[in-house]
């Protein structure tokens, strides 16, 4: 088996069904299996239960995206694992493109595709830098968005680069990432202390520390319907941002120590207090309050 495709479901059965249809329509040569881990969805797996070729794995407790992926990986038989979000659509033979790249480049351990939104705009977080205090300052101050082509301000999303070529990066988007199965297991899989967000950055960080290369492969093309899944789980964009912050806080604590995490938190608090004073956006005030008194040190919801 070439690839095991792993979805994690939480009330997204319809989206997964549409995503699978795109996989079937676009995949020409690779042998693959599809595993769906249901994270105790209130709405269950819907019509997916009618597809005998799918393997459904029922998780009695929702411990997050990474935990669901790890559970699916335990049942996978493919030489490679493709972690795929429900709200994704293959625009070409993504499996063949990513698999061919990994097999042609032994030092490449994980690969992700070019990602577009529903309007066809290329999303620069498909291939980006890992979090640092400097990169986080640029993002949360909005400098990286106001000056995307600046020599220094472009660093978080590598936004001086048009993302229309293949290159080595520090991290790819967790919505679609292909990794060698043996390496995924040997490195310990996803850290389940991340409930949602930053778990793919953590995995890329660990793989790079072991000497592995992370690659963005522009010939593989994917459409990602941003936040379609997470908005159901958290209910608002503001709560999604807070969940992302929990993930980043734990990321800094894990990889750079408690002092860096403390500096990160106070930087976030200062930036959002200033932004609230300028905009009077209540979300900015909530981000400030969370940064002063964070809830969920290991970002569990």
C-alpha atoms as a PDB file:
ATOM      1  CA  UNK A   1       0.000   0.000   0.000  1.00  0.00           C
ATOM      2  CA  UNK A   2       1.471   3.344  -1.032  1.00  0.00           C
ATOM      3  CA  UNK A   3      -0.492   5.758   1.152  1.00  0.00           C
ATOM      4  CA  UNK A   4      -2.904   5.688   4.062  1.00  0.00           C
ATOM      5  CA  UNK A   5      -5.139   8.775   3.999  1.00  0.00           C
ATOM      6  CA  UNK A   6      -6.278   9.752   7.488  1.00  0.00           C
ATOM      7  CA  UNK A   7      -9.185  12.095   8.234  1.00  0.00           C
ATOM      8  CA  UNK A   8     -10.319  13.198  11.681  1.00  0.00           C
ATOM      9  CA  UNK A   9     -14.055  13.813  11.880  1.00  0.00           C
ATOM     10  CA  UNK A  10     -15.941  16.077  14.243  1.00  0.00           C
ATOM     11  CA  UNK A  11     -19.341  16.833  12.714  1.00  0.00           C
ATOM     12  CA  UNK A  12     -17.804  17.083   9.235  1.00  0.00           C
ATOM     13  CA  UNK A  13     -19.068  13.913   7.549  1.00  0.00           C
ATOM     14  CA  UNK A  14     -20.459  15.826   4.540  1.00  0.00           C
ATOM     15  CA  UNK A  15     -17.166  17.653   4.029  1.00  0.00           C
ATOM     16  CA  UNK A  16     -15.198  14.421   4.271  1.00  0.00           C
ATOM     17  CA  UNK A  17     -17.502  12.787   1.734  1.00  0.00           C
ATOM     18  CA  UNK A  18     -16.847  15.631  -0.731  1.00  0.00           C
ATOM     19  CA  UNK A  19     -13.112  15.527  -0.032  1.00  0.00           C
ATOM     20  CA  UNK A  20     -13.001  11.773  -0.669  1.00  0.00           C
ATOM     21  CA  UNK A  21     -14.831  12.293  -3.955  1.00  0.00           C
ATOM     22  CA  UNK A  22     -12.049  14.659  -5.062  1.00  0.00           C
ATOM     23  CA  UNK A  23      -9.389  12.151  -4.001  1.00  0.00           C
ATOM     24  CA  UNK A  24     -11.046   9.420  -6.056  1.00  0.00           C
ATOM     25  CA  UNK A  25     -11.502  11.678  -9.065  1.00  0.00           C
ATOM     26  CA  UNK A  26      -7.906  12.918  -9.137  1.00  0.00           C
ATOM     27  CA  UNK A  27      -5.834   9.933  -8.009  1.00  0.00           C
ATOM     28  CA  UNK A  28      -4.645   7.875 -10.972  1.00  0.00           C
ATOM     29  CA  UNK A  29      -1.723   5.650 -10.008  1.00  0.00           C
ATOM     30  CA  UNK A  30      -1.219   5.389  -6.250  1.00  0.00           C
ATOM     31  CA  UNK A  31      -2.620   2.594  -4.151  1.00  0.00           C
ATOM     32  CA  UNK A  32      -4.294   4.067  -1.108  1.00  0.00           C
ATOM     33  CA  UNK A  33      -6.652   3.349   1.744  1.00  0.00           C
ATOM     34  CA  UNK A  34      -8.841   5.800   3.626  1.00  0.00           C
ATOM     35  CA  UNK A  35      -9.232   5.802   7.393  1.00  0.00           C
ATOM     36  CA  UNK A  36     -11.646   8.101   9.222  1.00  0.00           C
ATOM     37  CA  UNK A  37     -11.294   8.660  12.947  1.00  0.00           C
ATOM     38  CA  UNK A  38     -14.524   9.943  14.441  1.00  0.00           C
ATOM     39  CA  UNK A  39     -13.673  12.031  17.517  1.00  0.00           C
ATOM     40  CA  UNK A  40     -16.945  11.283  19.297  1.00  0.00           C
ATOM     41  CA  UNK A  41     -18.931  13.556  16.982  1.00  0.00           C
ATOM     42  CA  UNK A  42     -22.450  14.394  18.204  1.00  0.00           C
ATOM     43  CA  UNK A  43     -23.628  13.990  14.598  1.00  0.00           C
ATOM     44  CA  UNK A  44     -21.652  10.799  13.998  1.00  0.00           C
ATOM     45  CA  UNK A  45     -20.288   9.733  10.621  1.00  0.00           C
ATOM     46  CA  UNK A  46     -23.449  10.203   8.560  1.00  0.00           C
ATOM     47  CA  UNK A  47     -23.441   8.574   5.125  1.00  0.00           C
ATOM     48  CA  UNK A  48     -19.769   7.593   5.451  1.00  0.00           C
ATOM     49  CA  UNK A  49     -20.933   4.405   7.145  1.00  0.00           C
ATOM     50  CA  UNK A  50     -22.402   3.346   3.780  1.00  0.00           C
ATOM     51  CA  UNK A  51     -18.964   3.136   2.119  1.00  0.00           C
ATOM     52  CA  UNK A  52     -17.544  -0.343   2.760  1.00  0.00           C
ATOM     53  CA  UNK A  53     -14.119   0.620   1.393  1.00  0.00           C
ATOM     54  CA  UNK A  54     -13.619   3.179   4.173  1.00  0.00           C
ATOM     55  CA  UNK A  55     -12.287   2.198   7.562  1.00  0.00           C
ATOM     56  CA  UNK A  56     -14.152   3.977  10.343  1.00  0.00           C
ATOM     57  CA  UNK A  57     -12.496   4.189  13.740  1.00  0.00           C
ATOM     58  CA  UNK A  58     -14.662   5.399  16.600  1.00  0.00           C
ATOM     59  CA  UNK A  59     -12.818   7.355  19.263  1.00  0.00           C
ATOM     60  CA  UNK A  60     -14.862   7.424  22.495  1.00  0.00           C
ATOM     61  CA  UNK A  61     -13.327  10.764  23.524  1.00  0.00           C
ATOM     62  CA  UNK A  62     -12.371  13.899  21.616  1.00  0.00           C
ATOM     63  CA  UNK A  63      -8.782  14.553  22.642  1.00  0.00           C
ATOM     64  CA  UNK A  64      -8.046  16.734  19.661  1.00  0.00           C
ATOM     65  CA  UNK A  65      -6.800  16.618  16.093  1.00  0.00           C
ATOM     66  CA  UNK A  66      -3.332  15.223  16.795  1.00  0.00           C
ATOM     67  CA  UNK A  67      -4.683  12.475  19.035  1.00  0.00           C
ATOM     68  CA  UNK A  68      -7.155  11.493  16.340  1.00  0.00           C
ATOM     69  CA  UNK A  69      -4.398  11.371  13.725  1.00  0.00           C
ATOM     70  CA  UNK A  70      -2.248   9.224  15.991  1.00  0.00           C
ATOM     71  CA  UNK A  71      -5.103   6.780  16.475  1.00  0.00           C
ATOM     72  CA  UNK A  72      -5.662   6.539  12.730  1.00  0.00           C
ATOM     73  CA  UNK A  73      -1.934   5.976  12.150  1.00  0.00           C
ATOM     74  CA  UNK A  74      -2.021   2.929  14.448  1.00  0.00           C
ATOM     75  CA  UNK A  75      -4.446   1.215  12.050  1.00  0.00           C
ATOM     76  CA  UNK A  76      -2.777   2.382   8.837  1.00  0.00           C
ATOM     77  CA  UNK A  77      -0.968  -0.043   6.534  1.00  0.00           C
ATOM     78  CA  UNK A  78       0.502   2.409   4.012  1.00  0.00           C
ATOM     79  CA  UNK A  79       4.216   3.138   3.618  1.00  0.00           C
ATOM     80  CA  UNK A  80       3.280   6.804   3.824  1.00  0.00           C
ATOM     81  CA  UNK A  81       0.634   8.662   5.799  1.00  0.00           C
ATOM     82  CA  UNK A  82      -1.368  11.566   4.381  1.00  0.00           C
ATOM     83  CA  UNK A  83      -3.111  13.636   7.031  1.00  0.00           C
ATOM     84  CA  UNK A  84      -5.959  15.406   5.280  1.00  0.00           C
ATOM     85  CA  UNK A  85      -8.493  17.903   6.616  1.00  0.00           C
ATOM     86  CA  UNK A  86     -12.195  17.349   5.880  1.00  0.00           C
ATOM     87  CA  UNK A  87     -12.503  20.753   4.178  1.00  0.00           C
ATOM     88  CA  UNK A  88      -9.924  20.031   1.460  1.00  0.00           C
ATOM     89  CA  UNK A  89     -10.304  19.155  -2.215  1.00  0.00           C
ATOM     90  CA  UNK A  90      -7.689  17.664  -4.534  1.00  0.00           C
ATOM     91  CA  UNK A  91      -7.234  19.844  -7.613  1.00  0.00           C
ATOM     92  CA  UNK A  92      -4.856  17.386  -9.280  1.00  0.00           C
ATOM     93  CA  UNK A  93      -3.179  14.074  -8.423  1.00  0.00           C
ATOM     94  CA  UNK A  94      -1.814  15.301  -5.095  1.00  0.00           C
ATOM     95  CA  UNK A  95      -0.868  11.805  -3.946  1.00  0.00           C
ATOM     96  CA  UNK A  96       1.240  11.081  -7.017  1.00  0.00           C
ATOM     97  CA  UNK A  97       3.013  14.455  -6.870  1.00  0.00           C
ATOM     98  CA  UNK A  98       3.887  14.300  -3.180  1.00  0.00           C
ATOM     99  CA  UNK A  99       4.776  10.617  -3.202  1.00  0.00           C
ATOM    100  CA  UNK A 100       7.034  10.969  -6.244  1.00  0.00           C
ATOM    101  CA  UNK A 101       8.849  13.853  -4.579  1.00  0.00           C
ATOM    102  CA  UNK A 102       9.507  11.978  -1.324  1.00  0.00           C
ATOM    103  CA  UNK A 103      10.696   8.896  -3.173  1.00  0.00           C
ATOM    104  CA  UNK A 104      13.048  10.972  -5.357  1.00  0.00           C
ATOM    105  CA  UNK A 105      14.488  12.895  -2.388  1.00  0.00           C
ATOM    106  CA  UNK A 106      15.586  10.599   0.469  1.00  0.00           C
ATOM    107  CA  UNK A 107      16.394  13.533   2.762  1.00  0.00           C
ATOM    108  CA  UNK A 108      12.833  14.841   2.423  1.00  0.00           C
ATOM    109  CA  UNK A 109      10.754  13.350   5.228  1.00  0.00           C
ATOM    110  CA  UNK A 110       7.546  15.380   4.947  1.00  0.00           C
ATOM    111  CA  UNK A 111       5.905  17.229   2.053  1.00  0.00           C
ATOM    112  CA  UNK A 112       2.918  19.495   1.579  1.00  0.00           C
ATOM    113  CA  UNK A 113       1.159  20.898  -1.503  1.00  0.00           C
ATOM    114  CA  UNK A 114       0.418  24.316  -2.916  1.00  0.00           C
ATOM    115  CA  UNK A 115      -2.788  25.431  -1.210  1.00  0.00           C
ATOM    116  CA  UNK A 116      -5.466  27.765  -2.557  1.00  0.00           C
ATOM    117  CA  UNK A 117      -8.684  29.057  -1.027  1.00  0.00           C
ATOM    118  CA  UNK A 118     -12.125  28.834  -2.604  1.00  0.00           C
ATOM    119  CA  UNK A 119     -11.403  31.926  -4.718  1.00  0.00           C
ATOM    120  CA  UNK A 120      -8.238  30.350  -6.102  1.00  0.00           C
ATOM    121  CA  UNK A 121      -5.853  32.607  -4.173  1.00  0.00           C
ATOM    122  CA  UNK A 122      -2.595  30.937  -3.156  1.00  0.00           C
ATOM    123  CA  UNK A 123      -2.356  30.661   0.644  1.00  0.00           C
ATOM    124  CA  UNK A 124       1.146  31.462   1.815  1.00  0.00           C
ATOM    125  CA  UNK A 125       0.826  29.425   5.005  1.00  0.00           C
ATOM    126  CA  UNK A 126       1.156  26.346   2.773  1.00  0.00           C
ATOM    127  CA  UNK A 127       4.917  26.761   3.138  1.00  0.00           C
ATOM    128  CA  UNK A 128       6.178  28.978   5.921  1.00  0.00           C
ATOM    129  CA  UNK A 129       8.680  29.561   8.722  1.00  0.00           C
ATOM    130  CA  UNK A 130       8.411  28.050  12.183  1.00  0.00           C
ATOM    131  CA  UNK A 131       7.330  30.294  15.071  1.00  0.00           C
ATOM    132  CA  UNK A 132       9.926  32.505  16.734  1.00  0.00           C
ATOM    133  CA  UNK A 133       9.419  35.501  18.997  1.00  0.00           C
ATOM    134  CA  UNK A 134      10.326  37.765  16.086  1.00  0.00           C
ATOM    135  CA  UNK A 135       7.909  36.044  13.691  1.00  0.00           C
ATOM    136  CA  UNK A 136       5.134  36.152  16.268  1.00  0.00           C
ATOM    137  CA  UNK A 137       5.716  39.871  16.787  1.00  0.00           C
ATOM    138  CA  UNK A 138       5.423  40.481  13.045  1.00  0.00           C
ATOM    139  CA  UNK A 139       2.174  38.525  12.809  1.00  0.00           C
ATOM    140  CA  UNK A 140       0.344  39.820  15.867  1.00  0.00           C
ATOM    141  CA  UNK A 141       1.421  43.406  15.200  1.00  0.00           C
ATOM    142  CA  UNK A 142       0.131  42.891  11.604  1.00  0.00           C
ATOM    143  CA  UNK A 143       3.435  44.187  10.182  1.00  0.00           C
ATOM    144  CA  UNK A 144       3.879  41.025   8.131  1.00  0.00           C
ATOM    145  CA  UNK A 145       0.469  41.606   6.502  1.00  0.00           C
ATOM    146  CA  UNK A 146       0.937  45.338   5.989  1.00  0.00           C
ATOM    147  CA  UNK A 147       4.377  44.905   4.439  1.00  0.00           C
ATOM    148  CA  UNK A 148       4.331  41.383   2.917  1.00  0.00           C
ATOM    149  CA  UNK A 149       7.220  42.079   0.540  1.00  0.00           C
ATOM    150  CA  UNK A 150       9.548  43.621   3.095  1.00  0.00           C
ATOM    151  CA  UNK A 151      12.928  41.993   3.523  1.00  0.00           C
ATOM    152  CA  UNK A 152      12.377  41.501   7.252  1.00  0.00           C
ATOM    153  CA  UNK A 153       8.592  41.589   7.572  1.00  0.00           C
ATOM    154  CA  UNK A 154       8.021  38.794   5.042  1.00  0.00           C
ATOM    155  CA  UNK A 155       9.730  36.167   7.187  1.00  0.00           C
ATOM    156  CA  UNK A 156       6.728  34.408   8.852  1.00  0.00           C
ATOM    157  CA  UNK A 157       4.979  33.436   5.601  1.00  0.00           C
ATOM    158  CA  UNK A 158       7.961  33.834   3.236  1.00  0.00           C
ATOM    159  CA  UNK A 159       5.667  36.254   1.448  1.00  0.00           C
ATOM    160  CA  UNK A 160       8.305  37.736  -0.868  1.00  0.00           C
ATOM    161  CA  UNK A 161       8.165  34.336  -2.575  1.00  0.00           C
ATOM    162  CA  UNK A 162       5.072  33.722  -4.707  1.00  0.00           C
ATOM    163  CA  UNK A 163       4.774  30.063  -3.597  1.00  0.00           C
ATOM    164  CA  UNK A 164       4.639  28.966  -7.232  1.00  0.00           C
ATOM    165  CA  UNK A 165       7.832  26.931  -7.039  1.00  0.00           C
ATOM    166  CA  UNK A 166       9.032  23.935  -5.049  1.00  0.00           C
ATOM    167  CA  UNK A 167      11.405  24.621  -2.189  1.00  0.00           C
ATOM    168  CA  UNK A 168      12.488  23.494   1.241  1.00  0.00           C
ATOM    169  CA  UNK A 169      10.619  25.234   4.063  1.00  0.00           C
ATOM    170  CA  UNK A 170      10.456  24.999   7.836  1.00  0.00           C
ATOM    171  CA  UNK A 171       6.782  24.026   8.042  1.00  0.00           C
ATOM    172  CA  UNK A 172       3.825  23.135   5.830  1.00  0.00           C
ATOM    173  CA  UNK A 173       0.105  23.430   6.449  1.00  0.00           C
ATOM    174  CA  UNK A 174      -1.367  20.650   8.577  1.00  0.00           C
ATOM    175  CA  UNK A 175      -4.439  20.457   6.330  1.00  0.00           C
ATOM    176  CA  UNK A 176      -2.490  18.187   3.959  1.00  0.00           C
ATOM    177  CA  UNK A 177       0.882  16.663   4.748  1.00  0.00           C
ATOM    178  CA  UNK A 178       2.530  13.448   3.569  1.00  0.00           C
ATOM    179  CA  UNK A 179       5.106  11.732   5.789  1.00  0.00           C
ATOM    180  CA  UNK A 180       6.926   8.420   5.758  1.00  0.00           C
ATOM    181  CA  UNK A 181       4.985   6.132   8.108  1.00  0.00           C
ATOM    182  CA  UNK A 182       8.029   4.574   9.797  1.00  0.00           C
ATOM    183  CA  UNK A 183       9.427   8.010  10.570  1.00  0.00           C
ATOM    184  CA  UNK A 184       6.098   9.263  11.905  1.00  0.00           C
ATOM    185  CA  UNK A 185       5.965   6.374  14.354  1.00  0.00           C
ATOM    186  CA  UNK A 186       9.629   6.564  15.349  1.00  0.00           C
ATOM    187  CA  UNK A 187       9.386  10.274  16.102  1.00  0.00           C
ATOM    188  CA  UNK A 188       6.357   9.727  18.336  1.00  0.00           C
ATOM    189  CA  UNK A 189       3.645  11.093  16.066  1.00  0.00           C
ATOM    190  CA  UNK A 190       1.764  14.234  17.017  1.00  0.00           C
ATOM    191  CA  UNK A 191       2.141  15.637  20.521  1.00  0.00           C
ATOM    192  CA  UNK A 192      -1.331  15.134  21.981  1.00  0.00           C
ATOM    193  CA  UNK A 193      -0.914  18.071  24.353  1.00  0.00           C
ATOM    194  CA  UNK A 194      -1.872  20.185  21.330  1.00  0.00           C
ATOM    195  CA  UNK A 195      -5.649  19.996  21.038  1.00  0.00           C
ATOM    196  CA  UNK A 196      -5.771  21.911  17.769  1.00  0.00           C
ATOM    197  CA  UNK A 197      -3.312  24.252  16.005  1.00  0.00           C
ATOM    198  CA  UNK A 198       0.500  24.248  16.078  1.00  0.00           C
ATOM    199  CA  UNK A 199       0.745  20.440  16.243  1.00  0.00           C
ATOM    200  CA  UNK A 200       2.050  20.317  12.660  1.00  0.00           C
ATOM    201  CA  UNK A 201       4.627  23.011  13.447  1.00  0.00           C
ATOM    202  CA  UNK A 202       5.755  21.013  16.450  1.00  0.00           C
ATOM    203  CA  UNK A 203       6.109  17.889  14.286  1.00  0.00           C
ATOM    204  CA  UNK A 204       8.078  19.790  11.636  1.00  0.00           C
ATOM    205  CA  UNK A 205      10.297  21.270  14.344  1.00  0.00           C
ATOM    206  CA  UNK A 206      11.119  17.817  15.727  1.00  0.00           C
ATOM    207  CA  UNK A 207      11.736  16.325  12.278  1.00  0.00           C
ATOM    208  CA  UNK A 208      14.108  19.150  11.374  1.00  0.00           C
ATOM    209  CA  UNK A 209      15.985  18.670  14.645  1.00  0.00           C
ATOM    210  CA  UNK A 210      16.546  15.065  13.582  1.00  0.00           C
ATOM    211  CA  UNK A 211      18.026  16.193  10.273  1.00  0.00           C
ATOM    212  CA  UNK A 212      14.910  15.722   8.113  1.00  0.00           C
ATOM    213  CA  UNK A 213      13.874  18.130   5.394  1.00  0.00           C
ATOM    214  CA  UNK A 214      10.390  19.642   5.018  1.00  0.00           C
ATOM    215  CA  UNK A 215       9.363  20.450   1.446  1.00  0.00           C
ATOM    216  CA  UNK A 216       6.655  22.511  -0.200  1.00  0.00           C
ATOM    217  CA  UNK A 217       5.784  20.876  -3.547  1.00  0.00           C
ATOM    218  CA  UNK A 218       4.014  23.350  -5.798  1.00  0.00           C
ATOM    219  CA  UNK A 219       3.088  20.774  -8.462  1.00  0.00           C
ATOM    220  CA  UNK A 220       0.598  19.232  -5.999  1.00  0.00           C
ATOM    221  CA  UNK A 221      -2.465  21.478  -5.789  1.00  0.00           C
ATOM    222  CA  UNK A 222      -5.075  21.522  -3.029  1.00  0.00           C
ATOM    223  CA  UNK A 223      -8.074  23.697  -2.227  1.00  0.00           C
ATOM    224  CA  UNK A 224      -8.684  24.390   1.458  1.00  0.00           C
ATOM    225  CA  UNK A 225     -11.978  25.823   2.714  1.00  0.00           C
ATOM    226  CA  UNK A 226     -10.473  27.716   5.616  1.00  0.00           C
ATOM    227  CA  UNK A 227     -12.003  27.279   9.079  1.00  0.00           C
ATOM    228  CA  UNK A 228     -14.969  25.241   7.853  1.00  0.00           C
ATOM    229  CA  UNK A 229     -14.308  22.531  10.445  1.00  0.00           C
ATOM    230  CA  UNK A 230     -13.043  24.609  13.336  1.00  0.00           C
ATOM    231  CA  UNK A 231     -15.857  27.152  13.300  1.00  0.00           C
ATOM    232  CA  UNK A 232     -18.236  24.317  14.211  1.00  0.00           C
ATOM    233  CA  UNK A 233     -16.055  23.299  17.125  1.00  0.00           C
ATOM    234  CA  UNK A 234     -15.333  26.732  18.586  1.00  0.00           C
ATOM    235  CA  UNK A 235     -18.264  28.807  17.344  1.00  0.00           C
ATOM    236  CA  UNK A 236     -16.465  32.039  16.430  1.00  0.00           C
ATOM    237  CA  UNK A 237     -13.286  33.340  14.855  1.00  0.00           C
ATOM    238  CA  UNK A 238     -12.331  34.933  18.169  1.00  0.00           C
ATOM    239  CA  UNK A 239     -12.379  31.577  19.941  1.00  0.00           C
ATOM    240  CA  UNK A 240     -10.393  30.024  17.097  1.00  0.00           C
ATOM    241  CA  UNK A 241      -7.701  32.680  17.560  1.00  0.00           C
ATOM    242  CA  UNK A 242      -7.585  31.965  21.282  1.00  0.00           C
ATOM    243  CA  UNK A 243      -7.196  28.258  20.591  1.00  0.00           C
ATOM    244  CA  UNK A 244      -4.336  29.059  18.239  1.00  0.00           C
ATOM    245  CA  UNK A 245      -2.725  31.123  20.983  1.00  0.00           C
ATOM    246  CA  UNK A 246      -2.964  28.217  23.406  1.00  0.00           C
ATOM    247  CA  UNK A 247      -1.115  26.093  20.867  1.00  0.00           C
ATOM    248  CA  UNK A 248       1.598  28.698  20.321  1.00  0.00           C
ATOM    249  CA  UNK A 249       2.039  29.200  24.067  1.00  0.00           C
ATOM    250  CA  UNK A 250       2.646  25.501  24.570  1.00  0.00           C
ATOM    251  CA  UNK A 251       4.927  25.407  21.505  1.00  0.00           C
ATOM    252  CA  UNK A 252       7.192  28.108  22.969  1.00  0.00           C
ATOM    253  CA  UNK A 253       7.196  26.482  26.386  1.00  0.00           C
ATOM    254  CA  UNK A 254       8.080  23.092  24.919  1.00  0.00           C
ATOM    255  CA  UNK A 255      10.788  24.144  22.483  1.00  0.00           C
ATOM    256  CA  UNK A 256      12.248  27.304  24.002  1.00  0.00           C
ATOM    257  CA  UNK A 257      11.479  27.033  27.703  1.00  0.00           C
ATOM    258  CA  UNK A 258       9.235  28.760  30.211  1.00  0.00           C
ATOM    259  CA  UNK A 259      11.065  32.086  29.990  1.00  0.00           C
ATOM    260  CA  UNK A 260      10.470  32.363  26.235  1.00  0.00           C
ATOM    261  CA  UNK A 261       6.828  31.393  26.751  1.00  0.00           C
ATOM    262  CA  UNK A 262       6.526  34.131  29.377  1.00  0.00           C
ATOM    263  CA  UNK A 263       8.100  36.708  27.056  1.00  0.00           C
ATOM    264  CA  UNK A 264       5.806  35.580  24.231  1.00  0.00           C
ATOM    265  CA  UNK A 265       2.739  35.938  26.424  1.00  0.00           C
ATOM    266  CA  UNK A 266       3.597  39.433  27.618  1.00  0.00           C
ATOM    267  CA  UNK A 267       4.421  40.499  24.064  1.00  0.00           C
ATOM    268  CA  UNK A 268       1.001  39.247  22.941  1.00  0.00           C
ATOM    269  CA  UNK A 269      -0.672  41.084  25.820  1.00  0.00           C
ATOM    270  CA  UNK A 270       1.062  44.366  24.972  1.00  0.00           C
ATOM    271  CA  UNK A 271       0.310  44.124  21.261  1.00  0.00           C
ATOM    272  CA  UNK A 272      -3.381  43.382  21.713  1.00  0.00           C
ATOM    273  CA  UNK A 273      -3.813  46.030  24.388  1.00  0.00           C
ATOM    274  CA  UNK A 274      -2.428  48.581  21.926  1.00  0.00           C
ATOM    275  CA  UNK A 275      -4.611  47.221  19.150  1.00  0.00           C
ATOM    276  CA  UNK A 276      -7.694  47.382  21.393  1.00  0.00           C
ATOM    277  CA  UNK A 277      -6.965  50.986  22.350  1.00  0.00           C
ATOM    278  CA  UNK A 278      -6.784  51.860  18.673  1.00  0.00           C
ATOM    279  CA  UNK A 279      -9.695  49.787  17.354  1.00  0.00           C
ATOM    280  CA  UNK A 280     -11.938  49.074  20.384  1.00  0.00           C
ATOM    281  CA  UNK A 281     -12.348  45.565  18.971  1.00  0.00           C
ATOM    282  CA  UNK A 282     -13.649  43.402  21.825  1.00  0.00           C
ATOM    283  CA  UNK A 283     -11.796  40.390  20.474  1.00  0.00           C
ATOM    284  CA  UNK A 284      -8.499  42.223  20.945  1.00  0.00           C
ATOM    285  CA  UNK A 285      -9.446  42.855  24.560  1.00  0.00           C
ATOM    286  CA  UNK A 286     -10.200  39.153  25.038  1.00  0.00           C
ATOM    287  CA  UNK A 287      -6.810  38.207  23.581  1.00  0.00           C
ATOM    288  CA  UNK A 288      -5.137  40.658  25.960  1.00  0.00           C
ATOM    289  CA  UNK A 289      -6.995  39.204  28.958  1.00  0.00           C
ATOM    290  CA  UNK A 290      -6.084  35.657  27.964  1.00  0.00           C
ATOM    291  CA  UNK A 291      -2.397  36.532  27.550  1.00  0.00           C
ATOM    292  CA  UNK A 292      -2.338  38.076  31.033  1.00  0.00           C
ATOM    293  CA  UNK A 293      -4.080  35.075  32.606  1.00  0.00           C
ATOM    294  CA  UNK A 294      -3.807  32.142  30.140  1.00  0.00           C
ATOM    295  CA  UNK A 295      -6.273  29.326  30.512  1.00  0.00           C
ATOM    296  CA  UNK A 296      -5.230  25.886  29.356  1.00  0.00           C
ATOM    297  CA  UNK A 297      -1.424  25.794  29.668  1.00  0.00           C
ATOM    298  CA  UNK A 298      -1.207  22.815  27.307  1.00  0.00           C
ATOM    299  CA  UNK A 299      -3.865  24.252  25.007  1.00  0.00           C
ATOM    300  CA  UNK A 300      -6.435  21.562  25.715  1.00  0.00           C
ATOM    301  CA  UNK A 301      -9.965  22.786  25.013  1.00  0.00           C
END
